[in-house]
Amino acid sequence: MIYRKEALTLIKRYTKSESLIQKSLIVEAILKKIAKILGRNEELWGLTGLLHKIDYEYTIEEPEKRGIFAAQLLDGLLPENCINAIKSINYQHLDNVPSTSLDKTLIATVAVTDFILDIVNSSSLNNISESDLNMIKNKLYDSNHTNINIRKRILLCNDVGINIKDFLQISIDTLKEVSDKI
């Protein structure tokens, strides 16, 4: 089993983009909070979030391989359920249909992180601290702003027992907490 310090070293070895590393740190933080709420292993869920993009830069030209390379890199370092969750992000290309709460929460968290950061970056907001739940929720249901596939991914939070309002609030609050640290 890998520890966080080792996982951080590993992600930095395989990921050169600082923004991808930052997003991985955000996903890690949100997943840890969700794990706590659900009574799951915060450390494992956090590691899964931290390492979920470890193969992204290596598979950018071949998205159908995303998750496969990650599974090879992480074999023996993470439990199988964590590796399967990382593979399930790419369920449209792989046979890993998201079925566990970790799978679905990781998919929803990756989508909501990108979604919120896109809103902040494409609006008149100066930073995440200026965002609020109503603004983010309204954008989520605005078909001019949000692709239906992104919305479906985010709404997977309902499948694990967290309503969309709470999920968005947890995500916004966590982003605000960690934005100064990364």
Protein backbone atom coordinates (compact mmCIF):
# COMPACT_ATOMS: atom_id res chain seq x y z
CA MET A 1 0.00 0.00 0.00
CA ILE A 2 1.27 3.42 -0.97
CA TYR A 3 1.23 6.35 1.44
CA ARG A 4 0.22 9.89 0.51
CA LYS A 5 3.77 11.24 0.40
CA GLU A 6 4.77 8.48 -2.02
CA ALA A 7 1.60 9.01 -4.06
CA LEU A 8 2.36 12.71 -4.37
CA THR A 9 5.88 11.90 -5.58
CA LEU A 10 4.44 9.42 -8.07
CA ILE A 11 1.84 11.82 -9.45
CA LYS A 12 4.51 14.50 -9.89
CA ARG A 13 6.75 12.02 -11.71
CA TYR A 14 4.05 11.12 -14.25
CA THR A 15 2.22 14.45 -14.45
CA LYS A 16 4.05 17.52 -15.67
CA SER A 17 1.06 19.85 -15.90
CA GLU A 18 0.75 21.88 -12.72
CA SER A 19 -2.99 22.39 -13.34
CA LEU A 20 -3.55 18.61 -13.53
CA ILE A 21 -1.68 18.17 -10.26
CA GLN A 22 -3.78 20.92 -8.68
CA LYS A 23 -7.00 19.30 -9.89
CA SER A 24 -5.81 15.98 -8.48
CA LEU A 25 -5.23 17.63 -5.10
CA ILE A 26 -8.73 19.13 -5.22
CA VAL A 27 -10.33 15.80 -6.12
CA GLU A 28 -8.36 14.19 -3.29
CA ALA A 29 -9.69 16.72 -0.77
CA ILE A 30 -13.32 16.42 -1.91
CA LEU A 31 -13.18 12.62 -1.91
CA LYS A 32 -11.80 12.59 1.62
CA LYS A 33 -14.73 14.73 2.80
CA ILE A 34 -17.26 12.54 1.03
CA ALA A 35 -15.61 9.40 2.45
CA LYS A 36 -15.95 10.84 5.94
CA ILE A 37 -19.63 11.60 5.40
CA LEU A 38 -20.25 8.10 4.04
CA GLY A 39 -18.18 6.41 6.74
CA ARG A 40 -15.62 5.11 4.25
CA ASN A 41 -11.82 4.99 4.35
CA GLU A 42 -10.76 8.61 3.92
CA GLU A 43 -7.14 7.77 3.22
CA LEU A 44 -7.94 5.30 0.42
CA TRP A 45 -10.54 7.53 -1.15
CA GLY A 46 -8.13 10.45 -0.99
CA LEU A 47 -5.34 8.44 -2.62
CA THR A 48 -7.72 7.37 -5.36
CA GLY A 49 -8.55 11.01 -6.06
CA LEU A 50 -4.92 12.07 -5.94
CA LEU A 51 -3.82 9.39 -8.40
CA HIS A 52 -6.81 9.38 -10.75
CA LYS A 53 -5.02 11.34 -13.51
CA ILE A 54 -1.65 9.62 -13.23
CA ASP A 55 -1.81 8.34 -16.81
CA TYR A 56 -3.64 11.29 -18.40
CA GLU A 57 -0.64 12.85 -20.14
CA TYR A 58 0.49 9.46 -21.44
CA THR A 59 -2.89 8.59 -22.93
CA ILE A 60 -3.99 11.99 -24.21
CA GLU A 61 -3.77 10.81 -27.84
CA GLU A 62 -5.33 7.41 -27.02
CA PRO A 63 -8.14 8.03 -24.52
CA GLU A 64 -9.32 4.43 -24.88
CA LYS A 65 -6.16 3.43 -22.97
CA ARG A 66 -6.77 5.79 -20.06
CA GLY A 67 -7.07 3.80 -16.89
CA ILE A 68 -5.24 0.78 -18.27
CA PHE A 69 -1.84 2.42 -17.90
CA ALA A 70 -2.86 3.75 -14.48
CA ALA A 71 -3.84 0.23 -13.40
CA GLN A 72 -0.41 -1.05 -14.45
CA LEU A 73 1.38 1.75 -12.59
CA LEU A 74 -0.68 1.34 -9.44
CA ASP A 75 -0.83 -2.46 -9.30
CA GLY A 76 0.23 -3.51 -5.83
CA LEU A 77 0.24 0.10 -4.58
CA LEU A 78 -3.52 0.59 -4.22
CA PRO A 79 -6.28 -1.91 -3.45
CA GLU A 80 -8.12 -3.27 -6.47
CA ASN A 81 -11.30 -1.29 -5.71
CA CYS A 82 -9.33 1.98 -5.91
CA ILE A 83 -7.72 0.96 -9.20
CA ASN A 84 -11.12 -0.06 -10.56
CA ALA A 85 -12.52 3.34 -9.58
CA ILE A 86 -9.73 5.05 -11.53
CA LYS A 87 -10.49 2.85 -14.52
CA SER A 88 -14.22 3.52 -14.20
CA ILE A 89 -13.67 7.20 -14.99
CA ASN A 90 -13.12 6.03 -18.56
CA TYR A 91 -16.12 3.69 -18.57
CA GLN A 92 -17.18 4.78 -22.04
CA HIS A 93 -14.00 3.17 -23.46
CA LEU A 94 -13.40 0.34 -20.99
CA ASP A 95 -15.47 -2.48 -19.58
CA ASN A 96 -15.38 -0.92 -16.10
CA VAL A 97 -18.96 0.09 -15.54
CA PRO A 98 -19.14 2.29 -12.44
CA SER A 99 -20.89 0.27 -9.78
CA THR A 100 -19.40 1.04 -6.36
CA SER A 101 -19.85 4.18 -4.31
CA LEU A 102 -16.14 4.96 -4.84
CA ASP A 103 -16.48 4.60 -8.63
CA LYS A 104 -19.49 6.89 -8.79
CA THR A 105 -18.17 9.42 -6.31
CA LEU A 106 -14.85 9.69 -8.13
CA ILE A 107 -16.60 10.24 -11.46
CA ALA A 108 -18.94 12.86 -9.93
CA THR A 109 -16.06 14.59 -8.12
CA VAL A 110 -13.83 14.81 -11.19
CA ALA A 111 -16.74 16.24 -13.17
CA VAL A 112 -17.81 18.75 -10.51
CA THR A 113 -14.22 19.93 -9.98
CA ASP A 114 -13.76 20.65 -13.69
CA PHE A 115 -17.24 22.18 -13.86
CA ILE A 116 -16.73 24.61 -10.99
CA LEU A 117 -13.23 25.59 -12.11
CA ASP A 118 -14.54 26.22 -15.64
CA ILE A 119 -17.26 28.49 -14.24
CA VAL A 120 -14.75 30.46 -12.20
CA ASN A 121 -12.31 30.74 -15.11
CA SER A 122 -14.94 31.73 -17.68
CA SER A 123 -16.85 34.25 -15.60
CA SER A 124 -16.20 37.62 -14.07
CA LEU A 125 -15.30 35.97 -10.78
CA ASN A 126 -11.80 36.69 -9.56
CA ASN A 127 -11.52 33.40 -7.71
CA ILE A 128 -13.46 30.51 -6.22
CA SER A 129 -14.25 32.40 -3.02
CA GLU A 130 -16.68 34.57 -4.98
CA SER A 131 -18.79 31.60 -6.08
CA ASP A 132 -21.85 30.34 -4.26
CA LEU A 133 -24.18 27.37 -4.34
CA ASN A 134 -27.05 29.06 -6.20
CA MET A 135 -24.81 30.30 -9.00
CA ILE A 136 -23.16 26.88 -9.46
CA LYS A 137 -26.47 25.00 -9.25
CA ASN A 138 -28.12 27.33 -11.78
CA LYS A 139 -25.25 26.79 -14.22
CA LEU A 140 -25.50 23.03 -13.76
CA TYR A 141 -29.09 23.04 -14.99
CA ASP A 142 -28.50 25.64 -17.72
CA SER A 143 -28.39 23.69 -20.98
CA ASN A 144 -26.51 26.56 -22.62
CA HIS A 145 -23.69 26.15 -20.10
CA THR A 146 -23.59 22.48 -19.18
CA ASN A 147 -23.22 19.46 -21.41
CA ILE A 148 -25.74 16.76 -20.48
CA ASN A 149 -22.96 14.18 -20.05
CA ILE A 150 -21.20 16.38 -17.48
CA ARG A 151 -24.50 16.85 -15.64
CA LYS A 152 -25.10 13.08 -15.63
CA ARG A 153 -21.63 12.47 -14.20
CA ILE A 154 -22.14 15.05 -11.45
CA LEU A 155 -25.58 13.66 -10.62
CA LEU A 156 -24.01 10.28 -9.81
CA CYS A 157 -23.69 11.76 -6.32
CA ASN A 158 -27.37 10.87 -5.88
CA ASP A 159 -26.51 7.19 -6.40
CA VAL A 160 -24.32 7.22 -3.28
CA GLY A 161 -26.87 8.97 -1.10
CA ILE A 162 -25.70 12.58 -1.33
CA ASN A 163 -28.18 14.99 -2.86
CA ILE A 164 -26.95 17.40 -5.49
CA LYS A 165 -27.30 20.49 -3.29
CA ASP A 166 -25.14 18.97 -0.55
CA PHE A 167 -22.63 17.59 -3.06
CA LEU A 168 -22.20 20.97 -4.73
CA GLN A 169 -21.87 22.72 -1.35
CA ILE A 170 -19.24 20.22 -0.14
CA SER A 171 -17.34 20.67 -3.40
CA ILE A 172 -17.49 24.47 -3.32
CA ASP A 173 -16.46 24.62 0.34
CA THR A 174 -13.58 22.22 -0.23
CA LEU A 175 -12.40 24.15 -3.28
CA LYS A 176 -12.41 27.32 -1.23
CA GLU A 177 -10.43 25.62 1.56
CA VAL A 178 -7.74 24.15 -0.66
CA SER A 179 -7.44 26.89 -3.27
CA ASP A 180 -5.10 28.90 -1.09
CA LYS A 181 -2.94 25.84 -0.36
CA ILE A 182 -2.29 24.71 -3.92
